[in-house]
Amino acid sequence: MALRKHQRMTLAEFLAWEERQDSRHEFLQGEIVAMDGGTVAHNQFAGNIYAALRTALRGSPCRVFQETMKILADESVFYPDVFVTCAAIDDRDRLATEPTLIVEVLSDSTSSYDHTTKSAAYRTLPSLTQYVLVHQRVAVVESFRRSGDGWTHELLSGRDGVLAVPALGVALPLAAIYEDTRVSFDLTIHAGETDDA
């Protein structure tokens, strides 16, 4: 995430404006937020999750998207790192409105934004059953799963850890999420560290 632009627009104006831009922007209730490019590590995590979900969901009505597909939540527009929707969607659509699962890969510049602003917006979506945050410096995954009127928070770690996504009938091993990265599963040597940008 980069500096917020001060220009304010309506949602319709933003969607029309963003189609003409060379780079991606998110829309936070009237304000435009320019998006930075991701690091190699960030892309590796997102790619690992996308590949695992696509394999697991092959043949189902659910579709997996990575980084370039927008979603609408609470009058804001975001580009999740990975999300799954099981709703009917046209191949020409540029905006999804009914994600079942959303995954964000944390970094120094987005950690607070993903934990607070995005989390609050995403939770307004009736279709959303699970919101997942993937840490970069330590092999830790946070899962927020809808439970009745509230949300259950689960912290997953360890080489044998598994991220369960009951709504999709999918289980993602942490070893697959962190495959081909230098992230250690030994949490003791990373105590107090934050995520990379």
C-alpha atoms as a PDB file:
ATOM      1  CA  MET A   1       0.000   0.000   0.000  1.00  0.00           C
ATOM      2  CA  ALA A   2       1.256   3.500  -0.764  1.00  0.00           C
ATOM      3  CA  LEU A   3       0.303   7.051   0.139  1.00  0.00           C
ATOM      4  CA  ARG A   4      -3.365   7.861  -0.018  1.00  0.00           C
ATOM      5  CA  LYS A   5      -4.375  10.353  -2.692  1.00  0.00           C
ATOM      6  CA  HIS A   6      -6.482  13.258  -1.449  1.00  0.00           C
ATOM      7  CA  GLN A   7      -8.882  13.285  -4.385  1.00  0.00           C
ATOM      8  CA  ARG A   8     -12.345  12.018  -3.426  1.00  0.00           C
ATOM      9  CA  MET A   9     -14.692  10.210  -5.798  1.00  0.00           C
ATOM     10  CA  THR A  10     -17.916   8.312  -5.777  1.00  0.00           C
ATOM     11  CA  LEU A  11     -17.690   4.542  -6.194  1.00  0.00           C
ATOM     12  CA  ALA A  12     -18.925   4.772  -9.802  1.00  0.00           C
ATOM     13  CA  GLU A  13     -16.403   7.516 -10.598  1.00  0.00           C
ATOM     14  CA  PHE A  14     -13.573   5.475  -9.097  1.00  0.00           C
ATOM     15  CA  LEU A  15     -14.437   2.319 -11.053  1.00  0.00           C
ATOM     16  CA  ALA A  16     -14.507   4.287 -14.317  1.00  0.00           C
ATOM     17  CA  TRP A  17     -11.279   6.151 -13.451  1.00  0.00           C
ATOM     18  CA  GLU A  18      -9.374   3.054 -12.359  1.00  0.00           C
ATOM     19  CA  GLU A  19     -10.059   1.268 -15.641  1.00  0.00           C
ATOM     20  CA  ARG A  20      -7.911   3.929 -17.349  1.00  0.00           C
ATOM     21  CA  GLN A  21      -4.927   3.631 -14.981  1.00  0.00           C
ATOM     22  CA  ASP A  22      -1.699   1.704 -15.596  1.00  0.00           C
ATOM     23  CA  SER A  23      -1.337   0.739 -11.919  1.00  0.00           C
ATOM     24  CA  ARG A  24      -3.745  -0.661  -9.348  1.00  0.00           C
ATOM     25  CA  HIS A  25      -5.605   1.450  -6.772  1.00  0.00           C
ATOM     26  CA  GLU A  26      -7.916   0.570  -3.926  1.00  0.00           C
ATOM     27  CA  PHE A  27     -10.882   2.709  -2.926  1.00  0.00           C
ATOM     28  CA  LEU A  28     -11.523   3.312   0.752  1.00  0.00           C
ATOM     29  CA  GLN A  29     -14.945   4.936   1.215  1.00  0.00           C
ATOM     30  CA  GLY A  30     -14.249   7.858  -1.092  1.00  0.00           C
ATOM     31  CA  GLU A  31     -10.449   7.994  -0.937  1.00  0.00           C
ATOM     32  CA  ILE A  32      -8.053   6.487  -3.486  1.00  0.00           C
ATOM     33  CA  VAL A  33      -5.167   4.359  -2.228  1.00  0.00           C
ATOM     34  CA  ALA A  34      -2.301   3.604  -4.635  1.00  0.00           C
ATOM     35  CA  MET A  35      -0.947   0.046  -4.466  1.00  0.00           C
ATOM     36  CA  ASP A  36       2.756  -0.826  -4.352  1.00  0.00           C
ATOM     37  CA  GLY A  37       4.246  -3.763  -6.214  1.00  0.00           C
ATOM     38  CA  GLY A  38       4.908  -6.846  -4.103  1.00  0.00           C
ATOM     39  CA  THR A  39       8.220  -8.488  -3.232  1.00  0.00           C
ATOM     40  CA  VAL A  40       9.355 -11.879  -4.527  1.00  0.00           C
ATOM     41  CA  ALA A  41       8.426 -13.435  -1.174  1.00  0.00           C
ATOM     42  CA  HIS A  42       4.977 -11.840  -1.183  1.00  0.00           C
ATOM     43  CA  ASN A  43       4.282 -13.180  -4.654  1.00  0.00           C
ATOM     44  CA  GLN A  44       5.579 -16.626  -3.712  1.00  0.00           C
ATOM     45  CA  PHE A  45       3.184 -16.891  -0.750  1.00  0.00           C
ATOM     46  CA  ALA A  46       0.212 -15.689  -2.784  1.00  0.00           C
ATOM     47  CA  GLY A  47       1.148 -18.000  -5.654  1.00  0.00           C
ATOM     48  CA  ASN A  48       1.481 -21.011  -3.359  1.00  0.00           C
ATOM     49  CA  ILE A  49      -1.962 -20.380  -1.864  1.00  0.00           C
ATOM     50  CA  TYR A  50      -3.560 -19.748  -5.251  1.00  0.00           C
ATOM     51  CA  ALA A  51      -2.081 -22.957  -6.697  1.00  0.00           C
ATOM     52  CA  ALA A  52      -3.128 -25.081  -3.719  1.00  0.00           C
ATOM     53  CA  LEU A  53      -6.676 -23.723  -3.729  1.00  0.00           C
ATOM     54  CA  ARG A  54      -7.069 -24.046  -7.484  1.00  0.00           C
ATOM     55  CA  THR A  55      -5.957 -27.687  -7.351  1.00  0.00           C
ATOM     56  CA  ALA A  56      -8.228 -28.455  -4.407  1.00  0.00           C
ATOM     57  CA  LEU A  57     -11.269 -26.782  -5.998  1.00  0.00           C
ATOM     58  CA  ARG A  58     -10.853 -28.095  -9.534  1.00  0.00           C
ATOM     59  CA  GLY A  59     -14.188 -29.427 -10.783  1.00  0.00           C
ATOM     60  CA  SER A  60     -16.199 -27.449  -8.228  1.00  0.00           C
ATOM     61  CA  PRO A  61     -18.309 -24.339  -8.976  1.00  0.00           C
ATOM     62  CA  CYS A  62     -15.850 -22.219  -6.969  1.00  0.00           C
ATOM     63  CA  ARG A  63     -13.191 -20.051  -8.627  1.00  0.00           C
ATOM     64  CA  VAL A  64      -9.896 -18.746  -7.259  1.00  0.00           C
ATOM     65  CA  PHE A  65      -8.489 -15.304  -8.087  1.00  0.00           C
ATOM     66  CA  GLN A  66      -5.125 -13.706  -7.351  1.00  0.00           C
ATOM     67  CA  GLU A  67      -4.273 -10.001  -6.958  1.00  0.00           C
ATOM     68  CA  THR A  68      -5.730  -8.520 -10.153  1.00  0.00           C
ATOM     69  CA  MET A  69      -9.435  -9.081  -9.474  1.00  0.00           C
ATOM     70  CA  LYS A  70     -11.291  -6.507  -7.369  1.00  0.00           C
ATOM     71  CA  ILE A  71     -13.922  -7.073  -4.709  1.00  0.00           C
ATOM     72  CA  LEU A  72     -16.510  -4.648  -3.339  1.00  0.00           C
ATOM     73  CA  ALA A  73     -16.954  -4.476   0.441  1.00  0.00           C
ATOM     74  CA  ASP A  74     -18.574  -1.773   2.575  1.00  0.00           C
ATOM     75  CA  GLU A  75     -18.570   0.805  -0.265  1.00  0.00           C
ATOM     76  CA  SER A  76     -14.841   0.182  -0.733  1.00  0.00           C
ATOM     77  CA  VAL A  77     -12.880  -1.645  -3.432  1.00  0.00           C
ATOM     78  CA  PHE A  78      -9.947  -3.935  -2.625  1.00  0.00           C
ATOM     79  CA  TYR A  79      -7.533  -6.231  -4.442  1.00  0.00           C
ATOM     80  CA  PRO A  80      -7.139  -9.239  -2.113  1.00  0.00           C
ATOM     81  CA  ASP A  81      -3.962 -11.269  -2.564  1.00  0.00           C
ATOM     82  CA  VAL A  82      -6.112 -14.380  -3.064  1.00  0.00           C
ATOM     83  CA  PHE A  83      -9.851 -14.993  -2.813  1.00  0.00           C
ATOM     84  CA  VAL A  84     -12.398 -17.641  -3.672  1.00  0.00           C
ATOM     85  CA  THR A  85     -15.956 -17.081  -4.821  1.00  0.00           C
ATOM     86  CA  CYS A  86     -18.539 -19.785  -5.373  1.00  0.00           C
ATOM     87  CA  ALA A  87     -21.085 -17.355  -6.836  1.00  0.00           C
ATOM     88  CA  ALA A  88     -21.827 -17.180 -10.546  1.00  0.00           C
ATOM     89  CA  ILE A  89     -19.458 -14.732 -12.181  1.00  0.00           C
ATOM     90  CA  ASP A  90     -19.169 -13.676 -15.809  1.00  0.00           C
ATOM     91  CA  ASP A  91     -15.797 -13.936 -17.547  1.00  0.00           C
ATOM     92  CA  ARG A  92     -16.064 -10.242 -18.464  1.00  0.00           C
ATOM     93  CA  ASP A  93     -16.656  -9.075 -14.889  1.00  0.00           C
ATOM     94  CA  ARG A  94     -13.990  -6.924 -13.207  1.00  0.00           C
ATOM     95  CA  LEU A  95     -15.551  -6.828  -9.750  1.00  0.00           C
ATOM     96  CA  ALA A  96     -16.589  -9.703  -7.489  1.00  0.00           C
ATOM     97  CA  THR A  97     -19.135  -9.153  -4.718  1.00  0.00           C
ATOM     98  CA  GLU A  98     -19.535 -12.541  -3.027  1.00  0.00           C
ATOM     99  CA  PRO A  99     -16.193 -13.969  -1.858  1.00  0.00           C
ATOM    100  CA  THR A 100     -16.307 -17.035   0.404  1.00  0.00           C
ATOM    101  CA  LEU A 101     -12.627 -16.919   1.436  1.00  0.00           C
ATOM    102  CA  ILE A 102     -10.197 -13.973   1.413  1.00  0.00           C
ATOM    103  CA  VAL A 103      -6.439 -14.294   2.028  1.00  0.00           C
ATOM    104  CA  GLU A 104      -4.041 -11.403   2.576  1.00  0.00           C
ATOM    105  CA  VAL A 105      -0.245 -11.730   2.875  1.00  0.00           C
ATOM    106  CA  LEU A 106       1.002  -9.350   5.562  1.00  0.00           C
ATOM    107  CA  SER A 107       3.887  -6.895   5.221  1.00  0.00           C
ATOM    108  CA  ASP A 108       5.216  -3.991   7.281  1.00  0.00           C
ATOM    109  CA  SER A 109       3.346  -1.492   5.128  1.00  0.00           C
ATOM    110  CA  THR A 110       0.004  -3.332   5.139  1.00  0.00           C
ATOM    111  CA  SER A 111      -0.178  -5.305   8.406  1.00  0.00           C
ATOM    112  CA  SER A 112      -2.211  -2.737  10.361  1.00  0.00           C
ATOM    113  CA  TYR A 113      -4.403  -1.965   7.317  1.00  0.00           C
ATOM    114  CA  ASP A 114      -5.123  -5.678   6.770  1.00  0.00           C
ATOM    115  CA  HIS A 115      -5.811  -6.334  10.480  1.00  0.00           C
ATOM    116  CA  THR A 116      -8.161  -3.387  10.963  1.00  0.00           C
ATOM    117  CA  THR A 117      -9.537  -1.507   7.952  1.00  0.00           C
ATOM    118  CA  LYS A 118      -9.752  -4.412   5.527  1.00  0.00           C
ATOM    119  CA  SER A 119     -10.866  -6.839   8.213  1.00  0.00           C
ATOM    120  CA  ALA A 120     -13.772  -4.583   9.205  1.00  0.00           C
ATOM    121  CA  ALA A 121     -14.844  -4.065   5.582  1.00  0.00           C
ATOM    122  CA  TYR A 122     -14.552  -7.735   4.662  1.00  0.00           C
ATOM    123  CA  ARG A 123     -16.635  -8.835   7.653  1.00  0.00           C
ATOM    124  CA  THR A 124     -19.611  -6.857   6.321  1.00  0.00           C
ATOM    125  CA  LEU A 125     -19.855  -9.329   3.419  1.00  0.00           C
ATOM    126  CA  PRO A 126     -22.609 -11.894   4.121  1.00  0.00           C
ATOM    127  CA  SER A 127     -20.914 -14.390   1.784  1.00  0.00           C
ATOM    128  CA  LEU A 128     -17.566 -14.339   3.584  1.00  0.00           C
ATOM    129  CA  THR A 129     -16.962 -17.361   5.823  1.00  0.00           C
ATOM    130  CA  GLN A 130     -13.227 -16.967   6.467  1.00  0.00           C
ATOM    131  CA  TYR A 131     -10.526 -14.286   6.405  1.00  0.00           C
ATOM    132  CA  VAL A 132      -6.898 -15.449   6.503  1.00  0.00           C
ATOM    133  CA  LEU A 133      -3.713 -13.475   7.196  1.00  0.00           C
ATOM    134  CA  VAL A 134      -0.342 -14.980   6.261  1.00  0.00           C
ATOM    135  CA  HIS A 135       2.783 -13.719   8.048  1.00  0.00           C
ATOM    136  CA  GLN A 136       6.026 -13.401   6.088  1.00  0.00           C
ATOM    137  CA  ARG A 137       8.879 -13.500   8.609  1.00  0.00           C
ATOM    138  CA  VAL A 138       7.503 -16.352  10.669  1.00  0.00           C
ATOM    139  CA  ALA A 139       5.502 -19.369   9.569  1.00  0.00           C
ATOM    140  CA  VAL A 140       2.286 -18.217  11.224  1.00  0.00           C
ATOM    141  CA  VAL A 141      -1.181 -18.024   9.719  1.00  0.00           C
ATOM    142  CA  GLU A 142      -4.138 -16.261  11.345  1.00  0.00           C
ATOM    143  CA  SER A 143      -7.623 -17.478  10.515  1.00  0.00           C
ATOM    144  CA  PHE A 144     -10.835 -15.615  11.298  1.00  0.00           C
ATOM    145  CA  ARG A 145     -13.817 -17.889  10.701  1.00  0.00           C
ATOM    146  CA  ARG A 146     -17.459 -16.821  10.868  1.00  0.00           C
ATOM    147  CA  SER A 147     -19.211 -18.508  13.786  1.00  0.00           C
ATOM    148  CA  GLY A 148     -22.864 -17.554  14.214  1.00  0.00           C
ATOM    149  CA  ASP A 149     -22.954 -13.790  14.756  1.00  0.00           C
ATOM    150  CA  GLY A 150     -19.250 -13.593  15.619  1.00  0.00           C
ATOM    151  CA  TRP A 151     -15.817 -14.677  14.413  1.00  0.00           C
ATOM    152  CA  THR A 152     -13.466 -17.319  15.779  1.00  0.00           C
ATOM    153  CA  HIS A 153      -9.746 -16.456  15.691  1.00  0.00           C
ATOM    154  CA  GLU A 154      -7.210 -19.255  15.265  1.00  0.00           C
ATOM    155  CA  LEU A 155      -3.405 -18.972  15.199  1.00  0.00           C
ATOM    156  CA  LEU A 156      -1.671 -21.711  13.225  1.00  0.00           C
ATOM    157  CA  SER A 157       2.041 -22.558  13.210  1.00  0.00           C
ATOM    158  CA  GLY A 158       4.418 -25.486  12.889  1.00  0.00           C
ATOM    159  CA  ARG A 159       5.511 -27.564   9.919  1.00  0.00           C
ATOM    160  CA  ASP A 160       2.592 -29.919  10.547  1.00  0.00           C
ATOM    161  CA  GLY A 161       0.051 -27.095  10.877  1.00  0.00           C
ATOM    162  CA  VAL A 162      -2.976 -27.144   8.592  1.00  0.00           C
ATOM    163  CA  LEU A 163      -5.306 -24.315   7.590  1.00  0.00           C
ATOM    164  CA  ALA A 164      -8.814 -25.757   7.429  1.00  0.00           C
ATOM    165  CA  VAL A 165     -11.406 -24.043   5.225  1.00  0.00           C
ATOM    166  CA  PRO A 166     -14.618 -25.937   6.106  1.00  0.00           C
ATOM    167  CA  ALA A 167     -16.871 -23.901   3.805  1.00  0.00           C
ATOM    168  CA  LEU A 168     -14.858 -25.120   0.823  1.00  0.00           C
ATOM    169  CA  GLY A 169     -14.002 -28.576   2.146  1.00  0.00           C
ATOM    170  CA  VAL A 170     -10.306 -27.696   1.796  1.00  0.00           C
ATOM    171  CA  ALA A 171      -7.285 -28.105   4.070  1.00  0.00           C
ATOM    172  CA  LEU A 172      -4.033 -26.290   3.232  1.00  0.00           C
ATOM    173  CA  PRO A 173      -0.844 -27.493   4.966  1.00  0.00           C
ATOM    174  CA  LEU A 174       1.354 -24.647   6.190  1.00  0.00           C
ATOM    175  CA  ALA A 175       4.251 -26.487   4.542  1.00  0.00           C
ATOM    176  CA  ALA A 176       2.531 -25.854   1.172  1.00  0.00           C
ATOM    177  CA  ILE A 177       1.815 -22.191   1.965  1.00  0.00           C
ATOM    178  CA  TYR A 178       5.490 -21.570   2.856  1.00  0.00           C
ATOM    179  CA  GLU A 179       6.959 -23.823   0.148  1.00  0.00           C
ATOM    180  CA  ASP A 180      10.021 -22.440  -1.706  1.00  0.00           C
ATOM    181  CA  THR A 181      10.505 -19.591   0.779  1.00  0.00           C
ATOM    182  CA  ARG A 182      13.177 -18.974   3.406  1.00  0.00           C
ATOM    183  CA  VAL A 183      10.704 -18.642   6.240  1.00  0.00           C
ATOM    184  CA  SER A 184      11.601 -20.705   9.290  1.00  0.00           C
ATOM    185  CA  PHE A 185       9.105 -22.785  11.215  1.00  0.00           C
ATOM    186  CA  ASP A 186      11.155 -22.167  14.369  1.00  0.00           C
ATOM    187  CA  LEU A 187       9.212 -19.329  16.000  1.00  0.00           C
ATOM    188  CA  THR A 188      11.667 -18.854  18.879  1.00  0.00           C
ATOM    189  CA  ILE A 189      14.346 -17.283  16.675  1.00  0.00           C
ATOM    190  CA  HIS A 190      11.913 -14.718  15.281  1.00  0.00           C
ATOM    191  CA  ALA A 191      10.247 -13.496  18.473  1.00  0.00           C
ATOM    192  CA  GLY A 192       9.355  -9.808  18.191  1.00  0.00           C
ATOM    193  CA  GLU A 193      10.025  -9.504  14.472  1.00  0.00           C
ATOM    194  CA  THR A 194       7.548  -7.962  12.059  1.00  0.00           C
ATOM    195  CA  ASP A 195       6.732  -8.844   8.489  1.00  0.00           C
ATOM    196  CA  ASP A 196       8.785  -7.832   5.485  1.00  0.00           C
ATOM    197  CA  ALA A 197       7.536  -5.145   3.117  1.00  0.00           C
END
